[in-house]
Amino acid sequence: MAGWISSAQQKRDNSGQRDICAADGRPGTEEDPPMKANDGFRVHLSDTTDPNSPTSASSRGG
């Protein structure tokens, strides 16, 4: 995953949302942790690897 955090994600982090998925607003879990996506936001691992995830890049047309 990307090594940088977007400025919008930095604002989310500073407001206490570091462990909250930027795509769906749910907290990360041990089974589905938040990961840094290529756009600099934190999303669930499944959002980046599961094509059936409602918030995956492929479901957004990516």
N, C-alpha and C. Protein backbone atom coordinates (compact mmCIF):
# COMPACT_ATOMS: atom_id res chain seq x y z
N MET A 1 0.83 -1.19 0.00
CA MET A 1 0.00 0.00 0.00
C MET A 1 0.87 1.24 0.00
N ALA A 2 0.23 2.33 -0.27
CA ALA A 2 0.94 3.61 -0.36
C ALA A 2 1.62 3.96 0.95
N GLY A 3 2.73 4.67 0.85
CA GLY A 3 3.46 5.07 2.04
C GLY A 3 3.07 6.44 2.57
N TRP A 4 2.22 7.15 1.86
CA TRP A 4 1.84 8.49 2.31
C TRP A 4 0.38 8.51 2.71
N ILE A 5 0.03 9.51 3.52
CA ILE A 5 -1.35 9.71 3.97
C ILE A 5 -1.83 11.03 3.37
N SER A 6 -2.99 11.02 2.76
CA SER A 6 -3.52 12.25 2.17
C SER A 6 -3.81 13.29 3.26
N SER A 7 -3.87 14.54 2.86
CA SER A 7 -4.17 15.60 3.84
C SER A 7 -5.56 15.41 4.43
N ALA A 8 -6.50 14.91 3.63
CA ALA A 8 -7.85 14.66 4.16
C ALA A 8 -7.82 13.54 5.20
N GLN A 9 -7.00 12.49 4.96
CA GLN A 9 -6.88 11.42 5.95
C GLN A 9 -6.18 11.92 7.20
N GLN A 10 -5.20 12.81 7.04
CA GLN A 10 -4.54 13.40 8.20
C GLN A 10 -5.54 14.14 9.08
N LYS A 11 -6.48 14.85 8.44
CA LYS A 11 -7.53 15.54 9.20
C LYS A 11 -8.42 14.53 9.92
N ARG A 12 -8.73 13.42 9.25
CA ARG A 12 -9.53 12.37 9.88
C ARG A 12 -8.78 11.80 11.08
N ASP A 13 -7.48 11.55 10.90
CA ASP A 13 -6.64 11.03 11.99
C ASP A 13 -6.67 11.98 13.19
N ASN A 14 -6.49 13.26 12.91
CA ASN A 14 -6.43 14.26 13.98
C ASN A 14 -7.76 14.45 14.69
N SER A 15 -8.85 14.05 14.05
CA SER A 15 -10.16 14.16 14.69
C SER A 15 -10.58 12.85 15.37
N GLY A 16 -9.62 11.89 15.48
CA GLY A 16 -9.89 10.64 16.19
C GLY A 16 -10.44 9.53 15.33
N GLN A 17 -10.35 9.64 14.01
CA GLN A 17 -10.90 8.62 13.11
C GLN A 17 -9.81 7.78 12.45
N ARG A 18 -8.68 7.62 13.14
CA ARG A 18 -7.55 6.89 12.56
C ARG A 18 -7.91 5.44 12.22
N ASP A 19 -8.71 4.79 13.03
CA ASP A 19 -9.05 3.38 12.81
C ASP A 19 -10.41 3.20 12.13
N ILE A 20 -10.96 4.29 11.59
CA ILE A 20 -12.26 4.23 10.92
C ILE A 20 -12.05 4.23 9.42
N CYS A 21 -12.67 3.29 8.73
CA CYS A 21 -12.54 3.17 7.28
C CYS A 21 -13.11 4.41 6.60
N ALA A 22 -12.33 5.01 5.71
CA ALA A 22 -12.77 6.19 4.98
C ALA A 22 -13.86 5.84 3.96
N ALA A 23 -13.94 4.59 3.55
CA ALA A 23 -14.93 4.19 2.54
C ALA A 23 -16.31 3.92 3.12
N ASP A 24 -16.35 3.27 4.30
CA ASP A 24 -17.67 2.89 4.81
C ASP A 24 -17.94 3.32 6.25
N GLY A 25 -16.96 3.95 6.91
CA GLY A 25 -17.18 4.49 8.26
C GLY A 25 -17.16 3.47 9.38
N ARG A 26 -16.85 2.21 9.07
CA ARG A 26 -16.79 1.18 10.12
C ARG A 26 -15.37 1.10 10.66
N PRO A 27 -15.22 0.74 11.95
CA PRO A 27 -13.87 0.58 12.50
C PRO A 27 -13.17 -0.64 11.92
N GLY A 28 -11.85 -0.59 11.92
CA GLY A 28 -11.07 -1.75 11.51
C GLY A 28 -11.18 -2.84 12.57
N THR A 29 -10.96 -4.07 12.14
CA THR A 29 -10.97 -5.22 13.05
C THR A 29 -9.70 -6.01 12.83
N GLU A 30 -9.44 -6.97 13.71
CA GLU A 30 -8.27 -7.83 13.53
C GLU A 30 -8.38 -8.61 12.23
N GLU A 31 -9.60 -9.05 11.88
CA GLU A 31 -9.81 -9.83 10.66
C GLU A 31 -9.81 -8.96 9.41
N ASP A 32 -10.16 -7.70 9.55
CA ASP A 32 -10.26 -6.79 8.41
C ASP A 32 -9.70 -5.41 8.81
N PRO A 33 -8.37 -5.34 8.96
CA PRO A 33 -7.75 -4.10 9.45
C PRO A 33 -7.76 -2.98 8.42
N PRO A 34 -7.63 -1.75 8.89
CA PRO A 34 -7.49 -0.65 7.95
C PRO A 34 -6.10 -0.66 7.32
N MET A 35 -6.05 -0.36 6.04
CA MET A 35 -4.80 -0.31 5.29
C MET A 35 -4.76 1.02 4.55
N LYS A 36 -3.56 1.48 4.23
CA LYS A 36 -3.44 2.70 3.44
C LYS A 36 -3.65 2.36 1.97
N ALA A 37 -4.63 2.98 1.36
CA ALA A 37 -4.89 2.78 -0.06
C ALA A 37 -3.97 3.68 -0.88
N ASN A 38 -3.93 3.44 -2.17
CA ASN A 38 -3.06 4.22 -3.05
C ASN A 38 -3.43 5.70 -3.08
N ASP A 39 -4.66 6.03 -2.72
CA ASP A 39 -5.08 7.44 -2.72
C ASP A 39 -4.78 8.14 -1.39
N GLY A 40 -4.13 7.42 -0.45
CA GLY A 40 -3.74 8.02 0.81
C GLY A 40 -4.76 7.94 1.91
N PHE A 41 -5.88 7.26 1.68
CA PHE A 41 -6.90 7.08 2.71
C PHE A 41 -6.75 5.70 3.34
N ARG A 42 -7.26 5.55 4.56
CA ARG A 42 -7.29 4.24 5.22
C ARG A 42 -8.65 3.60 4.94
N VAL A 43 -8.59 2.39 4.41
CA VAL A 43 -9.80 1.61 4.13
C VAL A 43 -9.54 0.19 4.63
N HIS A 44 -10.60 -0.60 4.75
CA HIS A 44 -10.44 -1.99 5.17
C HIS A 44 -9.62 -2.76 4.13
N LEU A 45 -8.85 -3.72 4.61
CA LEU A 45 -8.09 -4.59 3.72
C LEU A 45 -9.02 -5.21 2.67
N SER A 46 -10.21 -5.63 3.08
CA SER A 46 -11.15 -6.26 2.13
C SER A 46 -11.58 -5.28 1.05
N ASP A 47 -11.58 -3.98 1.34
CA ASP A 47 -11.96 -2.99 0.33
C ASP A 47 -10.92 -2.93 -0.78
N THR A 48 -9.70 -3.38 -0.50
CA THR A 48 -8.64 -3.34 -1.50
C THR A 48 -8.39 -4.69 -2.16
N THR A 49 -8.92 -5.78 -1.57
CA THR A 49 -8.62 -7.11 -2.09
C THR A 49 -9.84 -7.91 -2.53
N ASP A 50 -11.02 -7.59 -2.02
CA ASP A 50 -12.23 -8.36 -2.31
C ASP A 50 -13.04 -7.65 -3.38
N PRO A 51 -13.08 -8.18 -4.60
CA PRO A 51 -13.82 -7.51 -5.67
C PRO A 51 -15.32 -7.43 -5.40
N ASN A 52 -15.82 -8.22 -4.47
CA ASN A 52 -17.24 -8.18 -4.12
C ASN A 52 -17.56 -7.20 -3.01
N SER A 53 -16.54 -6.58 -2.43
CA SER A 53 -16.76 -5.60 -1.38
C SER A 53 -17.48 -4.40 -1.98
N PRO A 54 -18.53 -3.90 -1.33
CA PRO A 54 -19.27 -2.77 -1.88
C PRO A 54 -18.44 -1.51 -2.00
N THR A 55 -17.30 -1.45 -1.32
CA THR A 55 -16.46 -0.26 -1.39
C THR A 55 -15.13 -0.53 -2.07
N SER A 56 -15.00 -1.67 -2.75
CA SER A 56 -13.76 -1.99 -3.44
C SER A 56 -13.59 -1.09 -4.67
N ALA A 57 -12.35 -0.97 -5.11
CA ALA A 57 -12.08 -0.15 -6.29
C ALA A 57 -12.84 -0.67 -7.51
N SER A 58 -12.94 -2.01 -7.64
CA SER A 58 -13.63 -2.54 -8.82
C SER A 58 -15.12 -2.22 -8.78
N SER A 59 -15.72 -2.14 -7.61
CA SER A 59 -17.13 -1.80 -7.55
C SER A 59 -17.36 -0.31 -7.80
N ARG A 60 -16.28 0.50 -7.66
CA ARG A 60 -16.36 1.93 -7.96
C ARG A 60 -15.92 2.20 -9.39
N GLY A 61 -15.66 1.14 -10.14
CA GLY A 61 -15.25 1.30 -11.53
C GLY A 61 -13.75 1.41 -11.71
N GLY A 62 -12.97 1.08 -10.64
CA GLY A 62 -11.50 1.21 -10.73
C GLY A 62 -10.82 -0.05 -11.10
